[in-house]
């Protein structure tokens, strides 16, 4: 996947999407959020990048290079919209289970190097708030129908 243009996210901001586009939006959102988490403490650890790659393979069934992850982490999209605004706007367009999967994946990425810094905790809390997840949703509790 080319991470240089983020076409589905750009298309989201123009308003049009169908089910396939929504899935593509989730995929790009997952990549960008996890990639950005690798820089939360300003140190992009190789173990965090490898964790992102493994999560993306597990969740999406696709391979992403470390370069894809690093490019997404420093994407020019963040120059026009902060990560919290990005998550808030785009997160409204994906389903709750997808938002929960992002929270679960963030925990894995932020702990991949064996330590969690205050900046990473702040990033996680910001992301959960922007995704509008309740504490129960964050830990995977779902009310049975």
N, C-alpha and C. Protein backbone atom coordinates (compact mmCIF):
# COMPACT_ATOMS: atom_id res chain seq x y z
N UNK A 1 0.85 -1.19 0.00
CA UNK A 1 0.00 0.00 0.00
C UNK A 1 0.88 1.23 0.00
N UNK A 2 0.62 2.15 -0.89
CA UNK A 2 1.35 3.40 -0.89
C UNK A 2 0.80 4.30 0.20
N UNK A 3 1.69 4.79 1.06
CA UNK A 3 1.24 5.65 2.16
C UNK A 3 1.44 7.11 1.85
N UNK A 4 1.85 7.43 0.65
CA UNK A 4 2.20 8.81 0.36
C UNK A 4 1.01 9.71 0.05
N UNK A 5 -0.13 9.14 -0.34
CA UNK A 5 -1.23 10.03 -0.72
C UNK A 5 -2.47 9.91 0.16
N UNK A 6 -2.65 8.81 0.90
CA UNK A 6 -3.80 8.63 1.79
C UNK A 6 -5.09 9.06 1.10
N UNK A 7 -5.33 8.51 -0.05
CA UNK A 7 -6.46 8.93 -0.89
C UNK A 7 -7.81 8.75 -0.22
N UNK A 8 -7.99 7.69 0.56
CA UNK A 8 -9.29 7.46 1.18
C UNK A 8 -9.57 8.48 2.27
N UNK A 9 -8.54 8.86 3.00
CA UNK A 9 -8.73 9.88 4.02
C UNK A 9 -9.02 11.22 3.37
N UNK A 10 -8.29 11.53 2.33
CA UNK A 10 -8.56 12.79 1.62
C UNK A 10 -9.97 12.78 1.05
N UNK A 11 -10.41 11.62 0.53
CA UNK A 11 -11.76 11.51 -0.01
C UNK A 11 -12.80 11.66 1.09
N UNK A 12 -12.49 11.14 2.30
CA UNK A 12 -13.41 11.29 3.43
C UNK A 12 -13.72 12.76 3.66
N UNK A 13 -12.70 13.58 3.64
CA UNK A 13 -12.90 15.00 3.91
C UNK A 13 -13.75 15.66 2.82
N UNK A 14 -13.83 15.02 1.65
CA UNK A 14 -14.71 15.56 0.61
C UNK A 14 -16.13 15.03 0.74
N UNK A 15 -16.33 13.99 1.60
CA UNK A 15 -17.68 13.57 1.94
C UNK A 15 -18.19 12.27 1.36
N UNK A 16 -17.67 11.74 0.27
CA UNK A 16 -18.26 10.57 -0.38
C UNK A 16 -17.58 9.29 0.09
N UNK A 17 -18.42 8.25 0.43
CA UNK A 17 -17.86 6.95 0.77
C UNK A 17 -18.93 5.87 0.71
N UNK A 18 -18.52 4.66 0.31
CA UNK A 18 -19.38 3.49 0.35
C UNK A 18 -18.73 2.48 1.29
N UNK A 19 -19.22 1.24 1.36
CA UNK A 19 -18.70 0.25 2.31
C UNK A 19 -17.22 -0.05 2.05
N UNK A 20 -16.85 -0.19 0.78
CA UNK A 20 -15.45 -0.45 0.46
C UNK A 20 -14.56 0.73 0.85
N UNK A 21 -15.06 1.92 0.60
CA UNK A 21 -14.30 3.11 0.98
C UNK A 21 -14.20 3.24 2.50
N UNK A 22 -15.25 2.84 3.21
CA UNK A 22 -15.22 2.89 4.66
C UNK A 22 -14.15 1.93 5.20
N UNK A 23 -14.06 0.73 4.62
CA UNK A 23 -13.02 -0.21 5.03
C UNK A 23 -11.64 0.34 4.73
N UNK A 24 -11.49 0.93 3.56
CA UNK A 24 -10.21 1.53 3.20
C UNK A 24 -9.87 2.68 4.14
N UNK A 25 -10.87 3.42 4.55
CA UNK A 25 -10.68 4.51 5.51
C UNK A 25 -10.19 3.95 6.84
N UNK A 26 -10.81 2.87 7.30
CA UNK A 26 -10.38 2.21 8.54
C UNK A 26 -8.92 1.76 8.42
N UNK A 27 -8.59 1.15 7.29
CA UNK A 27 -7.24 0.65 7.08
C UNK A 27 -6.22 1.79 7.16
N UNK A 28 -6.51 2.87 6.47
CA UNK A 28 -5.59 4.01 6.50
C UNK A 28 -5.56 4.66 7.88
N UNK A 29 -6.71 4.71 8.55
CA UNK A 29 -6.77 5.29 9.88
C UNK A 29 -5.97 4.45 10.87
N UNK A 30 -6.09 3.13 10.79
CA UNK A 30 -5.33 2.23 11.65
C UNK A 30 -3.83 2.44 11.43
N UNK A 31 -3.42 2.45 10.18
CA UNK A 31 -2.00 2.65 9.86
C UNK A 31 -1.50 3.99 10.41
N UNK A 32 -2.22 5.04 10.12
CA UNK A 32 -1.76 6.36 10.53
C UNK A 32 -1.74 6.52 12.05
N UNK A 33 -2.74 6.01 12.73
CA UNK A 33 -2.80 6.14 14.18
C UNK A 33 -1.68 5.36 14.84
N UNK A 34 -1.49 4.12 14.43
CA UNK A 34 -0.44 3.30 15.02
C UNK A 34 0.94 3.85 14.67
N UNK A 35 1.10 4.30 13.45
CA UNK A 35 2.38 4.87 13.05
C UNK A 35 2.68 6.12 13.86
N UNK A 36 1.69 6.95 14.03
CA UNK A 36 1.88 8.18 14.81
C UNK A 36 2.19 7.85 16.27
N UNK A 37 1.63 6.76 16.79
CA UNK A 37 1.92 6.35 18.16
C UNK A 37 3.39 6.01 18.35
N UNK A 38 4.05 5.55 17.30
CA UNK A 38 5.48 5.23 17.41
C UNK A 38 6.31 6.48 17.68
N UNK A 39 5.75 7.63 17.40
CA UNK A 39 6.46 8.89 17.62
C UNK A 39 5.93 9.67 18.82
N UNK A 40 5.05 9.08 19.59
CA UNK A 40 4.42 9.79 20.70
C UNK A 40 5.44 10.34 21.69
N UNK A 41 6.51 9.58 21.93
CA UNK A 41 7.54 10.04 22.86
C UNK A 41 8.76 10.59 22.13
N UNK A 42 8.61 10.89 20.86
CA UNK A 42 9.63 11.47 20.00
C UNK A 42 10.79 10.52 19.70
N UNK A 43 10.66 9.26 20.10
CA UNK A 43 11.67 8.25 19.80
C UNK A 43 10.97 7.10 19.09
N UNK A 44 11.22 6.93 17.81
CA UNK A 44 10.61 5.85 17.07
C UNK A 44 11.49 4.62 17.21
N UNK A 45 11.07 3.73 18.08
CA UNK A 45 11.81 2.51 18.37
C UNK A 45 11.50 1.47 17.30
N UNK A 46 12.53 0.74 16.87
CA UNK A 46 12.33 -0.29 15.85
C UNK A 46 11.34 -1.36 16.30
N UNK A 47 11.28 -1.65 17.60
CA UNK A 47 10.33 -2.64 18.11
C UNK A 47 8.90 -2.15 17.97
N UNK A 48 8.69 -0.85 18.12
CA UNK A 48 7.35 -0.29 17.93
C UNK A 48 6.94 -0.37 16.46
N UNK A 49 7.87 -0.06 15.57
CA UNK A 49 7.58 -0.15 14.13
C UNK A 49 7.26 -1.59 13.76
N UNK A 50 8.05 -2.55 14.26
CA UNK A 50 7.80 -3.96 13.99
C UNK A 50 6.44 -4.39 14.54
N UNK A 51 6.08 -3.84 15.70
CA UNK A 51 4.77 -4.14 16.30
C UNK A 51 3.65 -3.64 15.40
N UNK A 52 3.79 -2.44 14.87
CA UNK A 52 2.79 -1.89 13.94
C UNK A 52 2.66 -2.79 12.72
N UNK A 53 3.79 -3.21 12.17
CA UNK A 53 3.75 -4.09 11.00
C UNK A 53 3.02 -5.39 11.32
N UNK A 54 3.29 -5.99 12.47
CA UNK A 54 2.66 -7.25 12.85
C UNK A 54 1.16 -7.07 13.07
N UNK A 55 0.77 -5.98 13.69
CA UNK A 55 -0.65 -5.70 13.94
C UNK A 55 -1.38 -5.51 12.62
N UNK A 56 -0.79 -4.75 11.72
CA UNK A 56 -1.43 -4.51 10.43
C UNK A 56 -1.58 -5.82 9.65
N UNK A 57 -0.58 -6.67 9.73
CA UNK A 57 -0.67 -7.98 9.07
C UNK A 57 -1.79 -8.80 9.70
N UNK A 58 -1.86 -8.79 11.03
CA UNK A 58 -2.88 -9.56 11.75
C UNK A 58 -4.29 -9.02 11.50
N UNK A 59 -4.46 -7.71 11.61
CA UNK A 59 -5.79 -7.10 11.50
C UNK A 59 -6.28 -6.98 10.07
N UNK A 60 -5.35 -6.72 9.14
CA UNK A 60 -5.75 -6.44 7.76
C UNK A 60 -5.33 -7.51 6.76
N UNK A 61 -4.43 -8.39 7.18
CA UNK A 61 -3.94 -9.42 6.26
C UNK A 61 -3.04 -8.86 5.18
N UNK A 62 -2.41 -7.73 5.45
CA UNK A 62 -1.54 -7.09 4.46
C UNK A 62 -0.18 -6.80 5.07
N UNK A 63 0.83 -6.85 4.22
CA UNK A 63 2.17 -6.51 4.65
C UNK A 63 2.44 -5.03 4.41
N UNK A 64 3.07 -4.40 5.38
CA UNK A 64 3.50 -3.01 5.28
C UNK A 64 4.98 -2.98 5.63
N UNK A 65 5.75 -2.24 4.88
CA UNK A 65 7.18 -2.13 5.16
C UNK A 65 7.42 -1.17 6.31
N UNK A 66 8.60 -1.24 6.89
CA UNK A 66 8.93 -0.28 7.95
C UNK A 66 8.93 1.13 7.37
N UNK A 67 9.28 1.25 6.09
CA UNK A 67 9.24 2.56 5.45
C UNK A 67 7.80 3.09 5.38
N UNK A 68 6.84 2.23 5.06
CA UNK A 68 5.43 2.63 5.04
C UNK A 68 5.02 3.20 6.40
N UNK A 69 5.42 2.50 7.46
CA UNK A 69 5.06 2.92 8.82
C UNK A 69 5.71 4.25 9.14
N UNK A 70 6.99 4.39 8.83
CA UNK A 70 7.72 5.61 9.15
C UNK A 70 7.20 6.81 8.34
N UNK A 71 6.84 6.57 7.09
CA UNK A 71 6.27 7.65 6.27
C UNK A 71 4.92 8.08 6.84
N UNK A 72 4.10 7.12 7.22
CA UNK A 72 2.80 7.45 7.81
C UNK A 72 2.97 8.22 9.12
N UNK A 73 4.00 7.90 9.88
CA UNK A 73 4.23 8.57 11.16
C UNK A 73 4.56 10.04 10.98
N UNK A 74 5.11 10.38 9.84
CA UNK A 74 5.48 11.78 9.62
C UNK A 74 4.71 12.40 8.47
N UNK A 75 3.54 11.87 8.19
CA UNK A 75 2.72 12.32 7.07
C UNK A 75 2.42 13.81 7.12
N UNK A 76 2.37 14.39 5.95
CA UNK A 76 2.03 15.81 5.83
C UNK A 76 0.59 16.11 6.22
N UNK A 77 -0.25 15.08 6.34
CA UNK A 77 -1.63 15.31 6.78
C UNK A 77 -1.67 15.92 8.17
N UNK A 78 -0.65 15.66 8.98
CA UNK A 78 -0.63 16.19 10.34
C UNK A 78 -0.32 17.68 10.36
N UNK A 79 0.18 18.20 9.26
CA UNK A 79 0.44 19.63 9.18
C UNK A 79 -0.86 20.42 9.05
N UNK A 80 -1.88 19.80 8.47
CA UNK A 80 -3.14 20.50 8.26
C UNK A 80 -4.20 20.14 9.30
N UNK A 81 -4.06 19.01 9.95
CA UNK A 81 -5.03 18.60 10.98
C UNK A 81 -4.27 17.85 12.07
N UNK A 82 -4.43 18.27 13.32
CA UNK A 82 -3.76 17.57 14.41
C UNK A 82 -4.33 16.17 14.53
N UNK A 83 -3.57 15.30 15.15
CA UNK A 83 -3.99 13.90 15.26
C UNK A 83 -5.32 13.76 15.99
N UNK A 84 -5.54 14.58 17.03
CA UNK A 84 -6.81 14.46 17.76
C UNK A 84 -7.99 14.90 16.90
N UNK A 85 -7.82 15.94 16.11
CA UNK A 85 -8.90 16.36 15.21
C UNK A 85 -9.12 15.32 14.11
N UNK A 86 -8.03 14.77 13.61
CA UNK A 86 -8.11 13.72 12.60
C UNK A 86 -8.89 12.52 13.15
N UNK A 87 -8.51 12.03 14.34
CA UNK A 87 -9.20 10.88 14.93
C UNK A 87 -10.65 11.18 15.22
N UNK A 88 -10.93 12.38 15.70
CA UNK A 88 -12.30 12.76 16.01
C UNK A 88 -13.19 12.78 14.78
N UNK A 89 -12.70 13.37 13.71
CA UNK A 89 -13.51 13.48 12.49
C UNK A 89 -13.63 12.15 11.75
N UNK A 90 -12.52 11.49 11.55
CA UNK A 90 -12.55 10.24 10.80
C UNK A 90 -13.14 9.12 11.64
N UNK A 91 -12.87 9.13 12.94
CA UNK A 91 -13.38 8.09 13.82
C UNK A 91 -14.89 8.00 13.85
N UNK A 92 -15.56 9.11 13.59
CA UNK A 92 -17.02 9.11 13.55
C UNK A 92 -17.55 8.28 12.39
N UNK A 93 -16.72 8.05 11.40
CA UNK A 93 -17.17 7.38 10.19
C UNK A 93 -16.90 5.88 10.17
N UNK A 94 -16.28 5.37 11.23
CA UNK A 94 -16.04 3.92 11.28
C UNK A 94 -16.82 3.34 12.45
N UNK A 95 -17.04 2.06 12.41
CA UNK A 95 -17.86 1.37 13.40
C UNK A 95 -17.13 1.26 14.75
N UNK A 96 -17.91 1.11 15.82
CA UNK A 96 -17.35 0.99 17.17
C UNK A 96 -16.33 -0.15 17.29
N UNK A 97 -16.60 -1.33 16.74
CA UNK A 97 -15.59 -2.40 16.84
C UNK A 97 -14.26 -2.02 16.17
N UNK A 98 -14.33 -1.25 15.11
CA UNK A 98 -13.10 -0.80 14.46
C UNK A 98 -12.35 0.19 15.36
N UNK A 99 -13.09 1.09 16.01
CA UNK A 99 -12.46 2.03 16.94
C UNK A 99 -11.86 1.28 18.12
N UNK A 100 -12.56 0.25 18.59
CA UNK A 100 -12.03 -0.57 19.69
C UNK A 100 -10.76 -1.29 19.26
N UNK A 101 -10.72 -1.75 18.04
CA UNK A 101 -9.52 -2.45 17.57
C UNK A 101 -8.33 -1.49 17.53
N UNK A 102 -8.58 -0.23 17.23
CA UNK A 102 -7.50 0.76 17.24
C UNK A 102 -6.98 0.93 18.67
N UNK A 103 -7.88 1.00 19.64
CA UNK A 103 -7.47 1.13 21.05
C UNK A 103 -6.63 -0.07 21.48
N UNK A 104 -7.08 -1.26 21.14
CA UNK A 104 -6.36 -2.49 21.49
C UNK A 104 -4.98 -2.49 20.85
N UNK A 105 -4.91 -2.10 19.61
CA UNK A 105 -3.64 -2.08 18.89
C UNK A 105 -2.69 -1.03 19.48
N UNK A 106 -3.24 0.10 19.90
CA UNK A 106 -2.41 1.14 20.51
C UNK A 106 -1.71 0.63 21.76
N UNK A 107 -2.41 -0.14 22.58
CA UNK A 107 -1.80 -0.71 23.78
C UNK A 107 -0.60 -1.57 23.40
N UNK A 108 -0.75 -2.37 22.35
CA UNK A 108 0.33 -3.23 21.91
C UNK A 108 1.53 -2.42 21.42
N UNK A 109 1.27 -1.40 20.63
CA UNK A 109 2.35 -0.60 20.06
C UNK A 109 3.08 0.18 21.15
N UNK A 110 2.32 0.81 22.03
CA UNK A 110 2.94 1.67 23.03
C UNK A 110 3.77 0.87 24.04
N UNK A 111 3.47 -0.41 24.21
CA UNK A 111 4.25 -1.24 25.12
C UNK A 111 5.30 -2.09 24.43
N UNK A 112 5.44 -1.95 23.14
CA UNK A 112 6.32 -2.83 22.37
C UNK A 112 7.79 -2.74 22.76
N UNK A 113 8.22 -1.58 23.24
CA UNK A 113 9.63 -1.43 23.60
C UNK A 113 9.90 -1.73 25.07
N UNK A 114 8.88 -2.24 25.77
CA UNK A 114 9.05 -2.64 27.15
C UNK A 114 8.84 -1.55 28.18
N UNK A 115 8.52 -0.37 27.72
CA UNK A 115 8.25 0.73 28.66
C UNK A 115 7.20 1.65 28.04
N UNK A 116 6.45 2.31 28.92
CA UNK A 116 5.46 3.27 28.46
C UNK A 116 5.79 4.61 29.12
N UNK A 117 6.01 5.62 28.31
CA UNK A 117 6.40 6.93 28.82
C UNK A 117 5.16 7.77 29.10
N UNK A 118 5.31 8.83 29.89
CA UNK A 118 4.18 9.74 30.11
C UNK A 118 3.63 10.31 28.79
N UNK A 119 4.48 10.58 27.83
CA UNK A 119 4.01 11.10 26.54
C UNK A 119 3.16 10.06 25.81
N UNK A 120 3.51 8.80 25.94
CA UNK A 120 2.73 7.74 25.30
C UNK A 120 1.38 7.58 25.99
N UNK A 121 1.37 7.68 27.31
CA UNK A 121 0.10 7.61 28.04
C UNK A 121 -0.79 8.78 27.61
N UNK A 122 -0.21 9.95 27.49
CA UNK A 122 -0.97 11.12 27.04
C UNK A 122 -1.52 10.90 25.63
N UNK A 123 -0.71 10.33 24.75
CA UNK A 123 -1.16 10.04 23.38
C UNK A 123 -2.34 9.07 23.41
N UNK A 124 -2.21 8.00 24.21
CA UNK A 124 -3.28 7.01 24.31
C UNK A 124 -4.57 7.65 24.81
N UNK A 125 -4.49 8.40 25.88
CA UNK A 125 -5.68 9.05 26.43
C UNK A 125 -6.31 10.01 25.42
N UNK A 126 -5.48 10.74 24.70
CA UNK A 126 -5.99 11.65 23.67
C UNK A 126 -6.71 10.85 22.58
N UNK A 127 -6.09 9.77 22.14
CA UNK A 127 -6.68 8.97 21.06
C UNK A 127 -8.01 8.37 21.48
N UNK A 128 -8.10 7.85 22.69
CA UNK A 128 -9.34 7.25 23.18
C UNK A 128 -10.43 8.31 23.26
N UNK A 129 -10.07 9.48 23.76
CA UNK A 129 -11.04 10.57 23.84
C UNK A 129 -11.51 11.02 22.46
N UNK A 130 -10.57 11.16 21.54
CA UNK A 130 -10.92 11.59 20.18
C UNK A 130 -11.78 10.55 19.47
N UNK A 131 -11.53 9.28 19.75
CA UNK A 131 -12.33 8.21 19.14
C UNK A 131 -13.68 8.04 19.82
N UNK A 132 -13.90 8.78 20.88
CA UNK A 132 -15.14 8.75 21.64
C UNK A 132 -15.48 7.34 22.15
N UNK A 133 -14.46 6.70 22.71
CA UNK A 133 -14.66 5.39 23.31
C UNK A 133 -14.86 5.55 24.81
N UNK A 134 -15.82 4.82 25.35
CA UNK A 134 -16.02 4.81 26.79
C UNK A 134 -14.93 3.92 27.40
N UNK A 135 -14.73 4.02 28.72
CA UNK A 135 -13.76 3.11 29.35
C UNK A 135 -14.12 1.64 29.09
N UNK A 136 -15.39 1.29 29.15
CA UNK A 136 -15.81 -0.10 28.89
C UNK A 136 -15.47 -0.51 27.46
N UNK A 137 -15.77 0.34 26.51
CA UNK A 137 -15.45 0.03 25.11
C UNK A 137 -13.94 -0.10 24.92
N UNK A 138 -13.18 0.74 25.61
CA UNK A 138 -11.73 0.74 25.48
C UNK A 138 -11.14 -0.61 25.87
N UNK A 139 -11.68 -1.23 26.91
CA UNK A 139 -11.15 -2.52 27.35
C UNK A 139 -11.87 -3.70 26.72
N UNK A 140 -12.79 -3.43 25.80
CA UNK A 140 -13.45 -4.48 25.03
C UNK A 140 -14.75 -5.00 25.60
N UNK A 141 -15.30 -4.34 26.61
CA UNK A 141 -16.59 -4.77 27.13
C UNK A 141 -17.70 -4.28 26.20
N UNK A 142 -18.52 -5.21 25.78
CA UNK A 142 -19.60 -4.88 24.87
C UNK A 142 -20.89 -5.46 25.44
N UNK A 143 -21.94 -4.68 25.46
CA UNK A 143 -23.23 -5.14 25.95
C UNK A 143 -23.82 -6.13 24.95
N UNK A 144 -24.23 -7.28 25.44
CA UNK A 144 -24.84 -8.29 24.57
C UNK A 144 -26.20 -7.81 24.11
N UNK A 145 -26.57 -8.08 22.85
CA UNK A 145 -27.88 -7.64 22.34
C UNK A 145 -29.03 -8.39 22.98
